[in-house]
C-alpha atoms as a PDB file:
ATOM      1  CA  UNK A   1     -39.097  -0.112 -15.097  1.00  0.00           C
ATOM      2  CA  UNK A   2     -41.505   2.602 -16.400  1.00  0.00           C
ATOM      3  CA  UNK A   3     -42.565   5.219 -13.982  1.00  0.00           C
ATOM      4  CA  UNK A   4     -46.200   4.135 -13.663  1.00  0.00           C
ATOM      5  CA  UNK A   5     -45.100   0.705 -12.968  1.00  0.00           C
ATOM      6  CA  UNK A   6     -42.643   1.920 -10.307  1.00  0.00           C
ATOM      7  CA  UNK A   7     -45.359   4.089  -8.618  1.00  0.00           C
ATOM      8  CA  UNK A   8     -47.650   1.061  -8.715  1.00  0.00           C
ATOM      9  CA  UNK A   9     -44.954  -1.080  -7.075  1.00  0.00           C
ATOM     10  CA  UNK A  10     -44.428   1.523  -4.340  1.00  0.00           C
ATOM     11  CA  UNK A  11     -48.191   1.803  -3.637  1.00  0.00           C
ATOM     12  CA  UNK A  12     -48.395  -1.982  -3.389  1.00  0.00           C
ATOM     13  CA  UNK A  13     -45.661  -2.027  -0.725  1.00  0.00           C
ATOM     14  CA  UNK A  14     -47.334   0.780   1.379  1.00  0.00           C
ATOM     15  CA  UNK A  15     -50.850  -0.362   0.894  1.00  0.00           C
ATOM     16  CA  UNK A  16     -51.972   2.378  -1.410  1.00  0.00           C
ATOM     17  CA  UNK A  17     -54.172   5.249  -0.527  1.00  0.00           C
ATOM     18  CA  UNK A  18     -56.841   4.712  -3.295  1.00  0.00           C
ATOM     19  CA  UNK A  19     -57.607   3.015  -6.639  1.00  0.00           C
ATOM     20  CA  UNK A  20     -57.528   4.762 -10.000  1.00  0.00           C
ATOM     21  CA  UNK A  21     -61.289   5.185 -10.030  1.00  0.00           C
ATOM     22  CA  UNK A  22     -61.344   6.808  -6.597  1.00  0.00           C
ATOM     23  CA  UNK A  23     -60.993  10.582  -5.754  1.00  0.00           C
ATOM     24  CA  UNK A  24     -57.697  11.165  -3.628  1.00  0.00           C
ATOM     25  CA  UNK A  25     -58.424  11.622   0.205  1.00  0.00           C
ATOM     26  CA  UNK A  26     -57.023  15.010   1.405  1.00  0.00           C
ATOM     27  CA  UNK A  27     -54.758  14.948   4.491  1.00  0.00           C
ATOM     28  CA  UNK A  28     -53.550  18.068   6.122  1.00  0.00           C
ATOM     29  CA  UNK A  29     -49.821  17.867   7.541  1.00  0.00           C
ATOM     30  CA  UNK A  30     -49.272  20.272  10.352  1.00  0.00           C
ATOM     31  CA  UNK A  31     -45.492  20.742  11.346  1.00  0.00           C
ATOM     32  CA  UNK A  32     -43.171  23.602  11.701  1.00  0.00           C
ATOM     33  CA  UNK A  33     -40.218  21.631  10.334  1.00  0.00           C
ATOM     34  CA  UNK A  34     -40.003  21.973   6.585  1.00  0.00           C
ATOM     35  CA  UNK A  35     -37.907  18.670   6.148  1.00  0.00           C
ATOM     36  CA  UNK A  36     -40.612  16.679   8.139  1.00  0.00           C
ATOM     37  CA  UNK A  37     -43.321  18.143   6.118  1.00  0.00           C
ATOM     38  CA  UNK A  38     -41.594  17.328   2.838  1.00  0.00           C
ATOM     39  CA  UNK A  39     -40.899  13.739   3.971  1.00  0.00           C
ATOM     40  CA  UNK A  40     -44.508  13.072   5.004  1.00  0.00           C
ATOM     41  CA  UNK A  41     -45.852  14.765   1.842  1.00  0.00           C
ATOM     42  CA  UNK A  42     -43.524  12.784  -0.421  1.00  0.00           C
ATOM     43  CA  UNK A  43     -44.894   9.474   0.989  1.00  0.00           C
ATOM     44  CA  UNK A  44     -48.445  10.577   1.082  1.00  0.00           C
ATOM     45  CA  UNK A  45     -48.232  11.548  -2.555  1.00  0.00           C
ATOM     46  CA  UNK A  46     -46.712   8.167  -3.421  1.00  0.00           C
ATOM     47  CA  UNK A  47     -49.757   6.461  -1.821  1.00  0.00           C
ATOM     48  CA  UNK A  48     -52.303   8.490  -3.845  1.00  0.00           C
ATOM     49  CA  UNK A  49     -53.391  10.905  -1.053  1.00  0.00           C
ATOM     50  CA  UNK A  50     -53.529  14.664  -1.603  1.00  0.00           C
ATOM     51  CA  UNK A  51     -51.236  16.418   1.006  1.00  0.00           C
ATOM     52  CA  UNK A  52     -51.801  19.824   2.094  1.00  0.00           C
ATOM     53  CA  UNK A  53     -49.156  21.715   4.248  1.00  0.00           C
ATOM     54  CA  UNK A  54     -49.793  23.717   7.399  1.00  0.00           C
ATOM     55  CA  UNK A  55     -46.956  25.261   9.214  1.00  0.00           C
ATOM     56  CA  UNK A  56     -48.730  26.117  12.506  1.00  0.00           C
ATOM     57  CA  UNK A  57     -52.019  25.758  14.248  1.00  0.00           C
ATOM     58  CA  UNK A  58     -53.729  28.761  12.563  1.00  0.00           C
ATOM     59  CA  UNK A  59     -52.938  27.544   9.102  1.00  0.00           C
ATOM     60  CA  UNK A  60     -54.238  24.133  10.055  1.00  0.00           C
ATOM     61  CA  UNK A  61     -57.553  25.464  11.375  1.00  0.00           C
ATOM     62  CA  UNK A  62     -57.990  27.374   8.114  1.00  0.00           C
ATOM     63  CA  UNK A  63     -57.114  24.257   5.909  1.00  0.00           C
ATOM     64  CA  UNK A  64     -59.680  22.133   7.801  1.00  0.00           C
ATOM     65  CA  UNK A  65     -62.368  24.725   7.364  1.00  0.00           C
ATOM     66  CA  UNK A  66     -61.466  25.216   3.690  1.00  0.00           C
ATOM     67  CA  UNK A  67     -60.839  21.814   2.515  1.00  0.00           C
ATOM     68  CA  UNK A  68     -62.630  19.539   5.118  1.00  0.00           C
ATOM     69  CA  UNK A  69     -59.852  16.907   4.880  1.00  0.00           C
ATOM     70  CA  UNK A  70     -60.253  13.092   5.484  1.00  0.00           C
ATOM     71  CA  UNK A  71     -57.516  13.335   8.239  1.00  0.00           C
ATOM     72  CA  UNK A  72     -54.900  15.651   9.926  1.00  0.00           C
ATOM     73  CA  UNK A  73     -51.475  14.734  10.908  1.00  0.00           C
ATOM     74  CA  UNK A  74     -50.737  17.154  13.842  1.00  0.00           C
ATOM     75  CA  UNK A  75     -47.324  17.814  15.428  1.00  0.00           C
ATOM     76  CA  UNK A  76     -47.525  18.446  19.132  1.00  0.00           C
ATOM     77  CA  UNK A  77     -44.465  20.903  19.635  1.00  0.00           C
ATOM     78  CA  UNK A  78     -45.146  23.964  17.519  1.00  0.00           C
ATOM     79  CA  UNK A  79     -44.352  27.619  18.354  1.00  0.00           C
ATOM     80  CA  UNK A  80     -47.354  29.931  19.063  1.00  0.00           C
ATOM     81  CA  UNK A  81     -50.141  27.523  19.372  1.00  0.00           C
ATOM     82  CA  UNK A  82     -49.186  23.896  20.233  1.00  0.00           C
ATOM     83  CA  UNK A  83     -50.586  20.839  18.952  1.00  0.00           C
ATOM     84  CA  UNK A  84     -52.896  20.407  21.932  1.00  0.00           C
ATOM     85  CA  UNK A  85     -54.278  23.781  21.575  1.00  0.00           C
ATOM     86  CA  UNK A  86     -54.831  23.405  17.868  1.00  0.00           C
ATOM     87  CA  UNK A  87     -56.548  20.129  18.642  1.00  0.00           C
ATOM     88  CA  UNK A  88     -58.770  21.453  21.117  1.00  0.00           C
ATOM     89  CA  UNK A  89     -59.908  24.293  18.722  1.00  0.00           C
ATOM     90  CA  UNK A  90     -60.295  21.870  15.919  1.00  0.00           C
ATOM     91  CA  UNK A  91     -62.607  19.772  17.688  1.00  0.00           C
ATOM     92  CA  UNK A  92     -64.895  22.790  18.160  1.00  0.00           C
ATOM     93  CA  UNK A  93     -65.404  22.895  14.407  1.00  0.00           C
ATOM     94  CA  UNK A  94     -64.746  19.359  13.184  1.00  0.00           C
ATOM     95  CA  UNK A  95     -64.752  15.570  13.957  1.00  0.00           C
ATOM     96  CA  UNK A  96     -62.073  15.007  11.337  1.00  0.00           C
ATOM     97  CA  UNK A  97     -59.669  12.140  12.607  1.00  0.00           C
ATOM     98  CA  UNK A  98     -56.543  13.435  13.906  1.00  0.00           C
ATOM     99  CA  UNK A  99     -53.165  11.581  14.432  1.00  0.00           C
ATOM    100  CA  UNK A 100     -50.739  13.495  16.819  1.00  0.00           C
ATOM    101  CA  UNK A 101     -47.028  13.413  15.953  1.00  0.00           C
ATOM    102  CA  UNK A 102     -44.437  14.098  18.687  1.00  0.00           C
ATOM    103  CA  UNK A 103     -40.848  13.381  19.635  1.00  0.00           C
ATOM    104  CA  UNK A 104     -42.054  12.653  23.356  1.00  0.00           C
ATOM    105  CA  UNK A 105     -43.258   9.308  24.240  1.00  0.00           C
ATOM    106  CA  UNK A 106     -44.597  10.341  27.901  1.00  0.00           C
ATOM    107  CA  UNK A 107     -47.796   8.549  28.498  1.00  0.00           C
ATOM    108  CA  UNK A 108     -49.300  11.729  30.115  1.00  0.00           C
ATOM    109  CA  UNK A 109     -48.823  13.512  26.769  1.00  0.00           C
ATOM    110  CA  UNK A 110     -50.375  10.622  24.835  1.00  0.00           C
ATOM    111  CA  UNK A 111     -53.399  10.538  27.220  1.00  0.00           C
ATOM    112  CA  UNK A 112     -53.669  14.215  27.068  1.00  0.00           C
ATOM    113  CA  UNK A 113     -53.850  14.158  23.233  1.00  0.00           C
ATOM    114  CA  UNK A 114     -56.237  11.336  23.208  1.00  0.00           C
ATOM    115  CA  UNK A 115     -58.371  13.052  25.898  1.00  0.00           C
ATOM    116  CA  UNK A 116     -58.626  16.087  23.680  1.00  0.00           C
ATOM    117  CA  UNK A 117     -60.121  14.003  20.850  1.00  0.00           C
ATOM    118  CA  UNK A 118     -56.998  12.594  18.987  1.00  0.00           C
ATOM    119  CA  UNK A 119     -57.553   9.277  17.160  1.00  0.00           C
ATOM    120  CA  UNK A 120     -53.919   8.106  17.459  1.00  0.00           C
ATOM    121  CA  UNK A 121     -50.455   8.976  18.600  1.00  0.00           C
ATOM    122  CA  UNK A 122     -47.383   8.406  16.651  1.00  0.00           C
ATOM    123  CA  UNK A 123     -43.739   9.085  18.112  1.00  0.00           C
ATOM    124  CA  UNK A 124     -40.912  10.448  16.012  1.00  0.00           C
ATOM    125  CA  UNK A 125     -38.908   9.171  14.405  1.00  0.00           C
ATOM    126  CA  UNK A 126     -41.312   6.857  12.530  1.00  0.00           C
ATOM    127  CA  UNK A 127     -41.033   4.905   9.303  1.00  0.00           C
ATOM    128  CA  UNK A 128     -43.325   5.613   6.256  1.00  0.00           C
ATOM    129  CA  UNK A 129     -44.705   2.029   6.583  1.00  0.00           C
ATOM    130  CA  UNK A 130     -45.820   2.759  10.256  1.00  0.00           C
ATOM    131  CA  UNK A 131     -47.380   6.129   9.598  1.00  0.00           C
ATOM    132  CA  UNK A 132     -49.039   4.619   6.567  1.00  0.00           C
ATOM    133  CA  UNK A 133     -50.599   1.756   8.667  1.00  0.00           C
ATOM    134  CA  UNK A 134     -51.718   4.064  11.327  1.00  0.00           C
ATOM    135  CA  UNK A 135     -53.392   6.395   8.687  1.00  0.00           C
ATOM    136  CA  UNK A 136     -55.253   3.387   7.049  1.00  0.00           C
ATOM    137  CA  UNK A 137     -56.420   2.064  10.390  1.00  0.00           C
ATOM    138  CA  UNK A 138     -57.789   5.457  11.590  1.00  0.00           C
ATOM    139  CA  UNK A 139     -59.562   6.103   8.360  1.00  0.00           C
ATOM    140  CA  UNK A 140     -60.984   2.540   8.443  1.00  0.00           C
ATOM    141  CA  UNK A 141     -62.448   3.182  11.863  1.00  0.00           C
ATOM    142  CA  UNK A 142     -63.706   6.567  11.066  1.00  0.00           C
ATOM    143  CA  UNK A 143     -65.421   5.276   7.786  1.00  0.00           C
ATOM    144  CA  UNK A 144     -67.018   2.354   9.655  1.00  0.00           C
ATOM    145  CA  UNK A 145     -68.393   4.612  12.382  1.00  0.00           C
ATOM    146  CA  UNK A 146     -69.625   7.148   9.831  1.00  0.00           C
ATOM    147  CA  UNK A 147     -71.584   4.445   7.974  1.00  0.00           C
ATOM    148  CA  UNK A 148     -73.859   3.592  10.642  1.00  0.00           C
ATOM    149  CA  UNK A 149     -77.611   4.325  10.376  1.00  0.00           C
ATOM    150  CA  UNK A 150     -78.230   8.094  10.513  1.00  0.00           C
ATOM    151  CA  UNK A 151     -81.727   8.124  12.274  1.00  0.00           C
ATOM    152  CA  UNK A 152     -81.196   5.396  14.841  1.00  0.00           C
ATOM    153  CA  UNK A 153     -81.466   6.091  18.553  1.00  0.00           C
ATOM    154  CA  UNK A 154     -80.873   3.101  20.848  1.00  0.00           C
ATOM    155  CA  UNK A 155     -82.920   3.273  23.947  1.00  0.00           C
ATOM    156  CA  UNK A 156     -81.312   1.623  26.779  1.00  0.00           C
ATOM    157  CA  UNK A 157     -83.965   2.524  29.265  1.00  0.00           C
ATOM    158  CA  UNK A 158     -86.114   5.573  30.371  1.00  0.00           C
ATOM    159  CA  UNK A 159     -82.948   7.237  31.565  1.00  0.00           C
ATOM    160  CA  UNK A 160     -80.381   6.621  28.916  1.00  0.00           C
ATOM    161  CA  UNK A 161     -80.307   6.627  25.084  1.00  0.00           C
ATOM    162  CA  UNK A 162     -77.542   6.370  22.564  1.00  0.00           C
ATOM    163  CA  UNK A 163     -77.700   8.613  19.501  1.00  0.00           C
ATOM    164  CA  UNK A 164     -76.041   7.035  16.465  1.00  0.00           C
ATOM    165  CA  UNK A 165     -76.593  10.066  14.228  1.00  0.00           C
ATOM    166  CA  UNK A 166     -75.277  12.753  16.489  1.00  0.00           C
ATOM    167  CA  UNK A 167     -72.725  10.358  18.209  1.00  0.00           C
ATOM    168  CA  UNK A 168     -73.820  11.277  21.760  1.00  0.00           C
ATOM    169  CA  UNK A 169     -75.956  10.044  24.679  1.00  0.00           C
ATOM    170  CA  UNK A 170     -78.973  11.514  26.096  1.00  0.00           C
ATOM    171  CA  UNK A 171     -79.082  11.218  29.914  1.00  0.00           C
ATOM    172  CA  UNK A 172     -82.296  12.319  31.704  1.00  0.00           C
ATOM    173  CA  UNK A 173     -83.360  14.107  28.542  1.00  0.00           C
ATOM    174  CA  UNK A 174     -80.055  16.076  28.278  1.00  0.00           C
ATOM    175  CA  UNK A 175     -77.433  15.321  25.735  1.00  0.00           C
ATOM    176  CA  UNK A 176     -73.897  14.547  26.655  1.00  0.00           C
ATOM    177  CA  UNK A 177     -71.302  14.883  23.887  1.00  0.00           C
ATOM    178  CA  UNK A 178     -68.945  11.971  23.359  1.00  0.00           C
ATOM    179  CA  UNK A 179     -65.456  12.279  21.890  1.00  0.00           C
ATOM    180  CA  UNK A 180     -64.746  10.016  19.001  1.00  0.00           C
ATOM    181  CA  UNK A 181     -62.924   7.479  21.007  1.00  0.00           C
ATOM    182  CA  UNK A 182     -65.558   7.410  23.611  1.00  0.00           C
ATOM    183  CA  UNK A 183     -68.238   6.960  20.918  1.00  0.00           C
ATOM    184  CA  UNK A 184     -66.480   3.915  19.460  1.00  0.00           C
ATOM    185  CA  UNK A 185     -65.744   2.435  22.902  1.00  0.00           C
ATOM    186  CA  UNK A 186     -69.260   2.754  23.848  1.00  0.00           C
ATOM    187  CA  UNK A 187     -70.632   1.637  20.585  1.00  0.00           C
ATOM    188  CA  UNK A 188     -68.725  -1.738  21.046  1.00  0.00           C
ATOM    189  CA  UNK A 189     -70.049  -2.120  24.503  1.00  0.00           C
ATOM    190  CA  UNK A 190     -73.651  -1.505  23.443  1.00  0.00           C
ATOM    191  CA  UNK A 191     -73.410  -3.868  20.361  1.00  0.00           C
ATOM    192  CA  UNK A 192     -72.427  -6.676  22.755  1.00  0.00           C
ATOM    193  CA  UNK A 193     -74.597  -5.761  25.609  1.00  0.00           C
ATOM    194  CA  UNK A 194     -74.996  -8.555  28.009  1.00  0.00           C
ATOM    195  CA  UNK A 195     -71.639 -10.084  26.975  1.00  0.00           C
ATOM    196  CA  UNK A 196     -68.191  -9.724  28.349  1.00  0.00           C
ATOM    197  CA  UNK A 197     -66.027  -7.889  25.832  1.00  0.00           C
ATOM    198  CA  UNK A 198     -62.353  -8.623  26.525  1.00  0.00           C
ATOM    199  CA  UNK A 199     -59.819  -5.781  27.053  1.00  0.00           C
ATOM    200  CA  UNK A 200     -57.968  -6.410  23.908  1.00  0.00           C
ATOM    201  CA  UNK A 201     -60.966  -6.342  21.795  1.00  0.00           C
ATOM    202  CA  UNK A 202     -62.201  -3.138  22.979  1.00  0.00           C
ATOM    203  CA  UNK A 203     -58.807  -1.561  22.847  1.00  0.00           C
ATOM    204  CA  UNK A 204     -58.383  -2.813  19.305  1.00  0.00           C
ATOM    205  CA  UNK A 205     -61.798  -1.653  18.121  1.00  0.00           C
ATOM    206  CA  UNK A 206     -61.535   1.779  19.702  1.00  0.00           C
ATOM    207  CA  UNK A 207     -57.973   2.747  19.199  1.00  0.00           C
ATOM    208  CA  UNK A 208     -56.299  -0.093  16.904  1.00  0.00           C
ATOM    209  CA  UNK A 209     -53.990  -3.084  17.168  1.00  0.00           C
ATOM    210  CA  UNK A 210     -51.028  -1.010  18.548  1.00  0.00           C
ATOM    211  CA  UNK A 211     -53.028  -0.358  21.695  1.00  0.00           C
ATOM    212  CA  UNK A 212     -54.268  -3.929  22.345  1.00  0.00           C
ATOM    213  CA  UNK A 213     -52.264  -4.190  25.667  1.00  0.00           C
ATOM    214  CA  UNK A 214     -52.857  -0.728  27.026  1.00  0.00           C
ATOM    215  CA  UNK A 215     -55.284  -1.639  29.724  1.00  0.00           C
ATOM    216  CA  UNK A 216     -54.502   1.607  31.735  1.00  0.00           C
ATOM    217  CA  UNK A 217     -55.927   3.624  28.637  1.00  0.00           C
ATOM    218  CA  UNK A 218     -59.064   1.550  28.672  1.00  0.00           C
ATOM    219  CA  UNK A 219     -59.579   1.913  32.338  1.00  0.00           C
ATOM    220  CA  UNK A 220     -59.219   5.649  31.920  1.00  0.00           C
ATOM    221  CA  UNK A 221     -61.828   5.968  29.268  1.00  0.00           C
ATOM    222  CA  UNK A 222     -64.348   3.680  30.796  1.00  0.00           C
ATOM    223  CA  UNK A 223     -64.004   6.186  33.824  1.00  0.00           C
ATOM    224  CA  UNK A 224     -64.841   9.015  31.400  1.00  0.00           C
ATOM    225  CA  UNK A 225     -67.845   7.086  30.020  1.00  0.00           C
ATOM    226  CA  UNK A 226     -69.237   6.205  33.444  1.00  0.00           C
ATOM    227  CA  UNK A 227     -68.987   9.645  34.597  1.00  0.00           C
ATOM    228  CA  UNK A 228     -71.085  10.830  31.606  1.00  0.00           C
ATOM    229  CA  UNK A 229     -73.897   7.922  31.715  1.00  0.00           C
ATOM    230  CA  UNK A 230     -73.901   6.510  35.171  1.00  0.00           C
ATOM    231  CA  UNK A 231     -75.899   8.150  37.947  1.00  0.00           C
ATOM    232  CA  UNK A 232     -73.236   6.848  40.382  1.00  0.00           C
ATOM    233  CA  UNK A 233     -70.063   6.192  38.569  1.00  0.00           C
ATOM    234  CA  UNK A 234     -68.887   4.350  41.848  1.00  0.00           C
ATOM    235  CA  UNK A 235     -71.769   1.912  41.672  1.00  0.00           C
ATOM    236  CA  UNK A 236     -72.389   1.568  37.942  1.00  0.00           C
ATOM    237  CA  UNK A 237     -75.770   0.156  36.543  1.00  0.00           C
ATOM    238  CA  UNK A 238     -74.736   0.189  32.766  1.00  0.00           C
ATOM    239  CA  UNK A 239     -70.952  -0.604  32.417  1.00  0.00           C
ATOM    240  CA  UNK A 240     -69.646  -3.472  34.583  1.00  0.00           C
ATOM    241  CA  UNK A 241     -66.037  -4.492  35.244  1.00  0.00           C
ATOM    242  CA  UNK A 242     -65.294  -8.253  34.789  1.00  0.00           C
ATOM    243  CA  UNK A 243     -61.876  -8.420  36.594  1.00  0.00           C
ATOM    244  CA  UNK A 244     -59.084 -10.011  34.616  1.00  0.00           C
ATOM    245  CA  UNK A 245     -61.441 -10.249  31.467  1.00  0.00           C
ATOM    246  CA  UNK A 246     -62.837  -7.006  30.318  1.00  0.00           C
ATOM    247  CA  UNK A 247     -66.102  -5.021  30.560  1.00  0.00           C
ATOM    248  CA  UNK A 248     -69.764  -5.898  30.125  1.00  0.00           C
ATOM    249  CA  UNK A 249     -72.780  -3.426  29.256  1.00  0.00           C
ATOM    250  CA  UNK A 250     -76.054  -4.127  30.893  1.00  0.00           C
ATOM    251  CA  UNK A 251     -78.126  -6.656  28.896  1.00  0.00           C
ATOM    252  CA  UNK A 252     -80.964  -4.026  27.994  1.00  0.00           C
ATOM    253  CA  UNK A 253     -82.305  -6.187  25.116  1.00  0.00           C
ATOM    254  CA  UNK A 254     -82.831  -9.308  27.420  1.00  0.00           C
ATOM    255  CA  UNK A 255     -80.873 -11.417  24.836  1.00  0.00           C
ATOM    256  CA  UNK A 256     -78.895 -13.434  27.364  1.00  0.00           C
ATOM    257  CA  UNK A 257     -80.733 -16.438  29.044  1.00  0.00           C
ATOM    258  CA  UNK A 258     -80.716 -16.377  32.803  1.00  0.00           C
ATOM    259  CA  UNK A 259     -78.203 -18.878  34.322  1.00  0.00           C
END
């Protein structure tokens, strides 16, 4: 088999990062283990991505500033500045999607990463196919979110507005920033205002199919959202819990007929 045919076959197996007419998406790989970096970069290259290496958190921040990548793969356990601190600083300068890489599968660590603004979490060891799938899913969600109208503000009522351009909310005239995951979650609720959105739908839309059964994670983020938009989170007027089913956003458009 000729080399171009072989590369094409490999890209078909892994899903392919781009077509021949597209510019390659840049992905920054942040890990202090050279073997892991080589393994990831090799597979990203085969898929048509442009892979850049960073060996610590400081290099990662420099690469993000300089190249504005499409995505960052960020190891958690690194000397000096660990992945959590790196992510915290990265979120101060960029909303670039981030997938955390870790050898630990502890739920608290996973929630901590997501809480700081990570878009997904992959536990080592992982297969090239798994990582490829996660990358495509995160990029797809980010691109769908970025393609929303840039000048649209959704008015819920006199107290609350949802800004699609800046991806935040305006509560009593004051802006409240939303993490990328919080934005996607609230977006789904508002788009389906008045209707009950099942747990698995919200989890899939906000995090991906791998999280479709993680109701604990969903409850945690609903709590975060309520603290930001509700006057009294314990007695919500916007996000309602439908026990055993999912969550419902107030029908601010009046599109559901009274029973």
